[in-house]
Protein backbone atom coordinates (compact mmCIF):
# COMPACT_ATOMS: atom_id res chain seq x y z
CA MET A 1 96.80 172.55 111.07
CA ALA A 2 97.99 169.02 111.93
CA THR A 3 100.03 167.30 109.25
CA ALA A 4 100.28 163.56 108.63
CA THR A 5 103.76 163.65 110.17
CA THR A 6 102.42 165.34 113.29
CA ILE A 7 99.63 162.79 113.60
CA ASP A 8 102.14 159.93 113.22
CA ALA A 9 104.33 161.45 115.91
CA GLU A 10 101.36 161.74 118.24
CA TYR A 11 100.26 158.13 117.74
CA ASP A 12 101.67 155.87 120.43
CA ARG A 13 100.99 152.33 119.18
CA ALA A 14 102.37 150.59 122.25
CA THR A 15 100.07 152.59 124.54
CA GLU A 16 97.02 151.94 122.35
CA VAL A 17 97.72 148.20 122.21
CA LYS A 18 98.17 147.97 125.98
CA LYS A 19 95.00 149.99 126.58
CA PHE A 20 93.06 147.55 124.37
CA ASP A 21 94.61 144.50 126.03
CA ASP A 22 94.05 145.81 129.56
CA ALA A 23 90.36 146.40 128.78
CA LYS A 24 89.96 142.61 128.27
CA ILE A 25 87.10 143.16 125.84
CA GLY A 26 88.68 141.62 122.74
CA VAL A 27 87.61 142.38 119.19
CA LYS A 28 84.11 141.18 120.07
CA GLY A 29 83.93 143.98 122.64
CA LEU A 30 84.94 146.57 120.05
CA VAL A 31 82.17 145.38 117.74
CA ASP A 32 79.64 145.38 120.59
CA SER A 33 80.61 148.98 121.39
CA GLY A 34 79.50 149.99 117.90
CA VAL A 35 82.84 150.92 116.29
CA THR A 36 82.57 151.82 112.62
CA THR A 37 86.31 152.25 112.04
CA ILE A 38 88.92 149.81 113.28
CA PRO A 39 91.69 150.98 115.64
CA ARG A 40 94.85 151.91 113.80
CA PHE A 41 96.95 149.05 115.17
CA PHE A 42 94.67 146.60 113.32
CA VAL A 43 95.46 148.18 109.93
CA HIS A 44 97.85 146.08 107.84
CA ALA A 45 100.49 147.27 105.38
CA PRO A 46 99.55 147.84 101.71
CA GLU A 47 101.61 144.84 100.56
CA ILE A 48 99.55 142.56 102.83
CA LEU A 49 96.25 144.09 101.72
CA SER A 50 97.03 144.20 98.00
CA ASP A 51 95.85 140.63 97.30
CA LEU A 52 92.70 140.67 99.41
CA LYS A 53 90.61 141.79 96.44
CA PRO A 54 87.76 139.51 95.30
CA GLY A 55 89.07 136.70 93.15
CA SER A 56 92.62 136.78 94.51
CA GLY A 57 92.04 133.47 96.23
CA THR A 58 90.62 131.48 93.34
CA HIS A 59 92.66 132.13 90.18
CA PRO A 60 94.96 130.69 89.04
CA GLY A 61 94.82 127.42 90.93
CA PRO A 62 92.50 124.53 91.73
CA GLU A 63 88.83 125.12 92.36
CA HIS A 64 88.81 123.05 95.54
CA ILE A 65 91.18 121.78 98.18
CA PRO A 66 90.92 117.94 98.10
CA ALA A 67 88.17 116.31 100.19
CA ILE A 68 89.16 112.75 101.11
CA ASP A 69 86.67 110.08 102.17
CA LEU A 70 88.21 108.13 105.07
CA SER A 71 85.49 105.48 104.84
CA ASP A 72 86.72 104.27 101.44
CA HIS A 73 87.29 100.51 101.80
CA HIS A 74 90.33 100.68 99.50
CA ARG A 75 92.91 101.82 102.04
CA SER A 76 95.58 102.19 99.35
CA ILE A 77 93.41 104.82 97.64
CA VAL A 78 92.98 106.77 100.90
CA VAL A 79 96.73 106.61 101.58
CA GLU A 80 97.58 107.82 98.08
CA ASN A 81 95.05 110.65 98.19
CA ILE A 82 96.41 111.86 101.53
CA ARG A 83 100.02 111.50 100.37
CA ARG A 84 99.33 113.53 97.26
CA ALA A 85 97.48 116.26 99.14
CA ALA A 86 100.08 116.49 101.93
CA SER A 87 102.95 116.70 99.45
CA THR A 88 101.37 119.34 97.22
CA PHE A 89 98.78 121.50 99.02
CA GLY A 90 99.80 120.69 102.58
CA PHE A 91 96.03 120.93 103.17
CA PHE A 92 93.05 118.64 102.67
CA GLN A 93 89.60 118.03 104.10
CA VAL A 94 88.32 114.71 105.41
CA ILE A 95 84.76 113.43 105.32
CA ASN A 96 83.28 110.29 106.90
CA HIS A 97 86.03 110.63 109.49
CA GLY A 98 84.20 108.93 112.36
CA VAL A 99 83.77 111.98 114.60
CA PRO A 100 80.03 112.17 115.33
CA LEU A 101 78.37 115.22 113.80
CA GLY A 102 76.59 115.80 117.11
CA VAL A 103 79.96 116.24 118.82
CA LEU A 104 81.06 118.75 116.19
CA ASP A 105 77.80 120.72 116.37
CA ARG A 106 77.70 120.83 120.17
CA THR A 107 81.31 121.94 120.47
CA MET A 108 80.98 124.68 117.85
CA ALA A 109 77.82 125.98 119.54
CA SER A 110 79.53 125.97 122.94
CA ILE A 111 82.57 127.91 121.68
CA LYS A 112 80.33 130.51 120.06
CA GLY A 113 78.35 130.57 123.30
CA PHE A 114 81.52 131.37 125.25
CA TYR A 115 82.16 134.48 123.15
CA GLU A 116 78.57 135.64 123.33
CA GLN A 117 78.68 135.83 127.14
CA PRO A 118 78.99 139.21 128.88
CA THR A 119 82.52 140.66 128.91
CA GLU A 120 82.85 140.42 132.69
CA ILE A 121 82.38 136.63 132.55
CA LYS A 122 84.92 136.11 129.74
CA ALA A 123 87.39 138.46 131.42
CA ARG A 124 87.87 135.93 134.23
CA VAL A 125 90.06 133.86 131.90
CA TYR A 126 91.52 136.74 129.86
CA ARG A 127 95.28 136.31 130.13
CA ARG A 128 98.38 135.88 127.98
CA GLY A 129 100.17 132.54 127.92
CA ILE A 130 98.68 129.20 128.83
CA GLY A 131 100.37 128.56 132.17
CA THR A 132 97.11 127.67 133.90
CA GLY A 133 95.93 125.60 130.95
CA VAL A 134 93.23 128.05 129.80
CA SER A 135 93.54 131.55 128.38
CA TYR A 136 91.31 133.87 126.38
CA MET A 137 92.87 136.79 124.52
CA SER A 138 92.92 138.77 121.32
CA ASN A 139 95.94 137.96 119.13
CA VAL A 140 98.63 135.69 120.56
CA ASP A 141 101.25 137.91 118.89
CA LEU A 142 99.54 141.22 119.78
CA TYR A 143 102.65 142.86 121.26
CA HIS A 144 105.19 141.89 118.62
CA SER A 145 103.19 141.83 115.37
CA LYS A 146 103.36 144.72 112.93
CA ALA A 147 99.55 144.81 112.90
CA ALA A 148 96.88 143.00 114.90
CA SER A 149 94.27 140.74 113.30
CA TRP A 150 90.49 140.96 113.73
CA ARG A 151 89.84 137.94 115.96
CA ASP A 152 89.74 136.64 119.53
CA THR A 153 90.98 133.27 120.77
CA ILE A 154 90.48 130.90 123.67
CA GLN A 155 93.30 128.38 124.20
CA ILE A 156 92.91 125.19 126.22
CA ARG A 157 95.69 122.72 126.93
CA VAL A 158 94.29 119.24 126.29
CA GLY A 159 97.45 117.11 126.36
CA PRO A 160 99.53 115.45 127.62
CA ARG A 161 97.55 116.46 130.71
CA MET A 162 94.31 118.33 130.23
CA ALA A 163 93.83 121.64 131.97
CA ASP A 164 91.96 121.47 135.26
CA PRO A 165 88.34 120.97 134.15
CA GLU A 166 87.28 123.61 136.69
CA GLU A 167 89.41 126.14 134.77
CA ILE A 168 87.65 125.42 131.47
CA PRO A 169 84.62 127.73 131.13
CA GLU A 170 81.52 125.83 132.16
CA ILE A 171 79.67 126.79 128.97
CA CYS A 172 82.03 124.64 126.87
CA ARG A 173 83.68 122.31 129.43
CA LYS A 174 81.87 119.05 128.65
CA GLU A 175 81.94 119.69 124.92
CA VAL A 176 85.71 120.42 124.81
CA ILE A 177 86.53 117.21 126.68
CA GLU A 178 84.31 115.16 124.35
CA TRP A 179 85.67 116.87 121.21
CA ASP A 180 89.28 116.29 122.24
CA ARG A 181 88.69 112.58 122.85
CA GLU A 182 87.29 112.16 119.33
CA ILE A 183 89.90 114.35 117.60
CA LYS A 184 92.79 112.59 119.35
CA ARG A 185 91.54 109.29 117.95
CA LEU A 186 91.28 110.82 114.47
CA GLY A 187 94.79 112.25 114.78
CA GLU A 188 96.19 108.80 115.43
CA VAL A 189 94.37 107.44 112.36
CA LEU A 190 95.71 110.25 110.19
CA MET A 191 99.28 109.79 111.40
CA GLY A 192 99.10 106.10 110.48
CA LEU A 193 97.91 106.98 106.98
CA LEU A 194 100.60 109.65 106.59
CA CYS A 195 103.25 107.11 107.65
CA GLU A 196 102.06 104.68 104.98
CA GLY A 197 102.31 107.48 102.45
CA LEU A 198 105.97 107.91 103.38
CA GLY A 199 106.60 104.17 103.18
CA VAL A 200 107.58 103.93 106.86
CA ASP A 201 106.14 101.86 109.70
CA THR A 202 102.65 103.07 110.58
CA GLY A 203 103.64 103.90 114.13
CA ARG A 204 106.93 105.60 113.20
CA LEU A 205 105.78 109.22 113.21
CA LYS A 206 103.76 108.66 116.35
CA ASP A 207 106.75 107.05 118.09
CA MET A 208 109.06 109.87 117.07
CA THR A 209 106.72 112.73 117.75
CA CYS A 210 104.55 111.30 120.58
CA LEU A 211 101.51 113.38 119.70
CA GLU A 212 100.46 114.03 123.27
CA GLY A 213 101.29 117.74 123.33
CA ARG A 214 97.93 119.08 122.19
CA VAL A 215 96.50 122.59 122.44
CA MET A 216 92.95 123.35 121.38
CA VAL A 217 92.00 126.84 120.22
CA GLY A 218 88.62 128.36 119.52
CA HIS A 219 88.91 131.38 117.22
CA TYR A 220 86.12 133.94 116.94
CA TYR A 221 85.93 136.37 114.01
CA PRO A 222 83.25 139.02 114.55
CA TYR A 223 81.96 141.27 111.80
CA CYS A 224 84.63 143.74 110.69
CA PRO A 225 83.46 147.21 109.57
CA GLN A 226 86.58 147.69 107.38
CA PRO A 227 87.55 144.21 106.11
CA ASP A 228 89.71 145.69 103.35
CA LEU A 229 92.12 147.15 105.94
CA THR A 230 92.88 144.09 108.07
CA VAL A 231 92.80 140.29 108.19
CA GLY A 232 91.24 137.72 110.49
CA LEU A 233 94.46 135.73 110.81
CA ALA A 234 97.75 136.77 109.20
CA TYR A 235 99.40 134.40 106.74
CA HIS A 236 101.58 131.81 108.45
CA THR A 237 102.39 128.13 108.70
CA ASP A 238 101.62 126.07 111.80
CA PRO A 239 104.74 125.06 113.75
CA GLY A 240 103.70 121.60 114.93
CA VAL A 241 103.14 118.19 113.36
CA LEU A 242 99.49 118.22 112.32
CA THR A 243 96.52 120.54 112.76
CA VAL A 244 92.86 119.47 112.68
CA VAL A 245 90.37 122.29 112.13
CA GLN A 246 86.61 122.46 112.35
CA GLN A 247 85.31 125.53 110.55
CA ASP A 248 81.74 126.74 110.44
CA HIS A 249 79.76 127.64 107.32
CA VAL A 250 80.80 131.31 107.07
CA GLY A 251 84.15 130.72 105.32
CA GLY A 252 87.25 132.89 105.00
CA LEU A 253 90.08 130.35 105.36
CA GLN A 254 92.55 130.39 102.46
CA VAL A 255 95.69 128.39 101.63
CA LYS A 256 98.49 129.54 99.33
CA TYR A 257 99.05 127.28 96.35
CA GLY A 258 101.06 128.06 93.25
CA GLY A 259 101.46 131.69 94.28
CA SER A 260 97.71 132.21 94.60
CA TRP A 261 95.32 132.19 97.56
CA VAL A 262 92.76 129.38 97.31
CA ASP A 263 89.56 129.26 99.36
CA VAL A 264 89.12 126.29 101.70
CA LYS A 265 85.37 126.15 101.18
CA PRO A 266 83.37 124.80 104.13
CA ILE A 267 81.89 121.34 103.63
CA PRO A 268 79.19 120.34 106.14
CA GLY A 269 80.60 117.81 108.59
CA ALA A 270 84.13 117.89 107.10
CA LEU A 271 87.32 118.59 109.04
CA VAL A 272 90.29 120.49 107.60
CA ILE A 273 93.73 118.91 108.01
CA ASN A 274 97.00 120.72 107.49
CA VAL A 275 100.65 119.76 107.65
CA GLY A 276 102.78 121.65 110.18
CA ASP A 277 106.40 122.77 109.91
CA LEU A 278 107.60 119.94 112.14
CA LEU A 279 106.06 117.30 109.88
CA GLN A 280 107.64 118.96 106.85
CA ILE A 281 111.03 118.69 108.58
CA ILE A 282 110.54 115.12 109.89
CA SER A 283 109.40 113.95 106.44
CA ASN A 284 112.46 115.62 104.89
CA GLU A 285 110.07 117.70 102.78
CA GLU A 286 108.09 114.79 101.40
CA TYR A 287 105.17 116.61 103.01
CA LYS A 288 104.82 120.40 102.86
CA SER A 289 103.49 122.85 105.39
CA ALA A 290 101.44 125.49 103.61
CA GLU A 291 100.97 129.18 104.24
CA HIS A 292 97.39 129.95 105.14
CA ARG A 293 95.36 132.89 106.41
CA VAL A 294 91.82 133.94 107.31
CA LEU A 295 90.20 136.97 105.74
CA ALA A 296 88.54 139.56 107.95
CA ASN A 297 84.87 138.71 108.32
CA SER A 298 82.63 140.98 106.23
CA SER A 299 79.51 138.99 107.15
CA HIS A 300 77.27 140.27 109.92
CA GLU A 301 77.25 136.69 111.20
CA ALA A 302 80.30 135.91 113.36
CA ARG A 303 82.65 133.19 112.12
CA ALA A 304 84.13 130.60 114.48
CA SER A 305 86.63 127.80 114.09
CA ILE A 306 88.09 125.18 116.41
CA ALA A 307 91.53 123.66 115.97
CA VAL A 308 93.81 121.27 117.77
CA PHE A 309 97.57 121.38 117.24
CA PHE A 310 99.25 117.98 117.52
CA ASN A 311 102.78 118.40 118.88
CA PRO A 312 105.35 116.22 120.63
CA SER A 313 105.22 116.39 124.41
CA ASN A 314 108.96 115.84 125.00
CA ARG A 315 110.61 119.18 124.40
CA ASP A 316 114.18 118.04 125.11
CA ASP A 317 114.44 115.30 122.48
CA GLN A 318 116.25 115.97 119.22
CA TYR A 319 114.09 116.32 116.11
CA GLY A 320 115.04 116.22 112.46
CA PRO A 321 114.37 114.20 109.29
CA LEU A 322 113.54 110.50 109.76
CA PRO A 323 116.69 108.42 109.06
CA GLU A 324 114.63 106.16 106.76
CA LEU A 325 113.99 109.15 104.48
CA ILE A 326 117.63 110.17 104.15
CA SER A 327 119.73 108.80 101.29
CA PRO A 328 122.67 109.85 99.09
CA GLU A 329 120.09 110.92 96.51
CA LYS A 330 118.17 112.94 99.09
CA PRO A 331 120.33 113.97 102.04
CA ALA A 332 118.89 115.51 105.20
CA LEU A 333 117.51 118.97 104.44
CA TYR A 334 117.38 120.13 108.08
CA ARG A 335 119.70 120.12 111.07
CA PRO A 336 118.53 118.57 114.36
CA PHE A 337 117.07 120.73 117.13
CA THR A 338 115.09 120.48 120.36
CA LEU A 339 111.40 121.27 120.48
CA THR A 340 112.08 123.83 123.21
CA ASP A 341 114.27 125.83 120.85
CA PHE A 342 111.82 125.36 117.98
CA MET A 343 108.73 126.57 119.87
CA THR A 344 110.58 129.40 121.63
CA ARG A 345 111.55 130.82 118.25
CA PHE A 346 107.97 130.50 117.01
CA PHE A 347 106.45 132.44 119.91
CA LYS A 348 109.10 135.18 119.79
CA LYS A 349 108.14 136.21 116.29
CA GLU A 350 104.98 137.36 114.62
CA LEU A 351 103.06 135.05 112.31
CA ASP A 352 104.90 135.45 109.01
CA GLY A 353 105.12 132.65 106.50
CA LYS A 354 107.78 129.92 106.60
CA SER A 355 110.62 131.66 108.41
CA LEU A 356 110.78 128.93 111.06
CA THR A 357 111.54 126.04 108.70
CA ASN A 358 113.98 128.24 106.80
CA TYR A 359 115.94 128.85 110.02
CA TYR A 360 116.71 125.12 110.48
CA LYS A 361 117.38 124.35 106.83
CA LEU A 362 120.85 123.07 105.93
């Protein structure tokens, strides 16, 4: 009779992960095959799963993440609302942001359309890394995470030079280009408002960070038959300056606030904004990057989200707290570093909280 120890000894995780990756079917392919139990390498540790119970994301804590109206004619009110949200939650939603709803709807439909194509069509761009500018895969950190998450991702480099349009899948090519143009404009508006909140020149953060290094991702979270054993996206903070996210109506995104997980409830037409580790460092912790995660999808309707990560494009410059924000009362909290070193460390580890900012802290 096989014992648990014998079964553990017989389980070769590395082989199972490689077999899954080589099949190029993604999580969507597992669902399409009719699996009723998730592969073992998707199962997370008890300490990760312990707070996934209903209600763990809503109490104690605020009922809603702030939703800020960018069309408010009182700019000082908009600046203060963003400053407060960025310095407490590290997350907020924006409404009346100027991105046409038609652009949002078309892009979301096209990303979902990509995933709903036959496996053999998607497999043409299934690869790790983003050397060619486009890659589709399941779990960026698949090979060095303790457990995989129940999602697939397509990555598209959109700045400083967009991927070859011919490399972008035709089903979403036009929509991605249009979406990026609108989101880039919004990113510049947001950075100006964030600068005002810090009391620095409105172009200061843009000048220092040069937000041309942009990567767009389209995440796809199919139905999970055992959502209590895994997650859609492990808890982490984003490494860059700013992230803009379009989520659909299904929900599942949560942000950690006051030791509790709070739902970022979908608002029709809204975009989710979150502070990245680099902005926390540059602002000398006036703004905070927040841990966030996505629950495994228990709905029979697939969830999708689209995000763009705003990062500097010059990887050899030195980055650290803005000199204007350093004083005898509040000295620099981080040592300087290059973006190359910063991003290399991020991609060599699994997604796990705020370990990156902690590494550079003085």
